[in-house]
Amino acid sequence: MKVEDAAERSGFAIWTVRRMARQGLFMATKPRGNRGGWEIDDESFHDWMQGNQTARGNAAYQAMRGVA
């Protein structure tokens, strides 16, 4: 998935998702080097969302799930 898709799903800003990819919080690669941007592994991102977002009680994630 692209950074824009991950930002939309998570509720985070695009630049925040890029920063998290650089930090290695989920599996992501730059298949075209610095010319093409990040490609984020769907399963890894989903697992990260389940573990991290629930623990932090992120409002965007809770809203997405219908909790808040």
Protein backbone atom coordinates (compact mmCIF):
# COMPACT_ATOMS: atom_id res chain seq x y z
CA MET A 1 0.00 0.00 0.00
CA LYS A 2 1.13 3.56 -0.53
CA VAL A 3 1.79 6.07 2.25
CA GLU A 4 -1.36 7.99 1.37
CA ASP A 5 -3.49 4.86 1.83
CA ALA A 6 -1.87 4.09 5.19
CA ALA A 7 -2.43 7.67 6.35
CA GLU A 8 -6.10 7.48 5.41
CA ARG A 9 -6.58 4.15 7.18
CA SER A 10 -4.74 5.20 10.33
CA GLY A 11 -5.83 8.82 10.67
CA PHE A 12 -2.21 9.99 10.84
CA ALA A 13 -0.74 12.65 8.56
CA ILE A 14 1.21 11.47 5.52
CA TRP A 15 4.48 12.85 6.88
CA THR A 16 3.90 10.96 10.15
CA VAL A 17 3.44 7.67 8.29
CA ARG A 18 6.66 8.33 6.35
CA ARG A 19 8.50 9.00 9.62
CA MET A 20 7.14 5.77 11.14
CA ALA A 21 8.26 3.85 8.02
CA ARG A 22 11.78 5.28 8.38
CA GLN A 23 11.75 4.25 12.06
CA GLY A 24 10.86 0.69 11.09
CA LEU A 25 7.61 0.46 13.06
CA PHE A 26 6.17 -1.68 10.27
CA MET A 27 7.63 -3.30 7.16
CA ALA A 28 8.14 -0.81 4.35
CA THR A 29 10.49 -0.56 1.40
CA LYS A 30 11.55 1.99 -1.16
CA PRO A 31 11.54 -0.23 -4.27
CA ARG A 32 12.52 2.60 -6.62
CA GLY A 33 15.05 4.17 -4.29
CA ASN A 34 14.57 7.86 -3.56
CA ARG A 35 12.57 8.36 -6.77
CA GLY A 36 9.36 6.54 -5.94
CA GLY A 37 8.41 6.69 -2.28
CA TRP A 38 7.52 4.04 0.25
CA GLU A 39 5.61 0.79 -0.28
CA ILE A 40 4.12 -0.44 2.99
CA ASP A 41 3.38 -4.11 3.65
CA ASP A 42 -0.38 -4.42 4.28
CA GLU A 43 -0.18 -7.22 6.83
CA SER A 44 2.65 -5.62 8.79
CA PHE A 45 0.82 -2.28 8.89
CA HIS A 46 -2.40 -3.95 9.99
CA ASP A 47 -0.58 -5.83 12.77
CA TRP A 48 1.09 -2.61 13.89
CA MET A 49 -2.28 -0.84 13.93
CA GLN A 50 -3.85 -3.59 16.05
CA GLY A 51 -1.04 -3.65 18.60
CA ASN A 52 -0.02 -0.02 18.84
CA GLN A 53 -3.21 1.89 18.26
CA THR A 54 -5.31 -0.12 20.69
CA ALA A 55 -2.73 0.26 23.44
CA ARG A 56 -2.50 4.03 22.94
CA GLY A 57 -6.23 4.52 22.62
CA ASN A 58 -5.80 6.60 19.48
CA ALA A 59 -9.03 8.52 18.83
CA ALA A 60 -8.84 8.13 15.05
CA TYR A 61 -8.46 4.38 15.34
CA GLN A 62 -11.30 4.10 17.83
CA ALA A 63 -13.52 6.22 15.60
CA MET A 64 -12.68 3.98 12.66
CA ARG A 65 -13.76 0.94 14.66
CA GLY A 66 -16.89 2.71 15.96
CA VAL A 67 -15.73 2.71 19.58
CA ALA A 68 -15.59 6.45 20.20
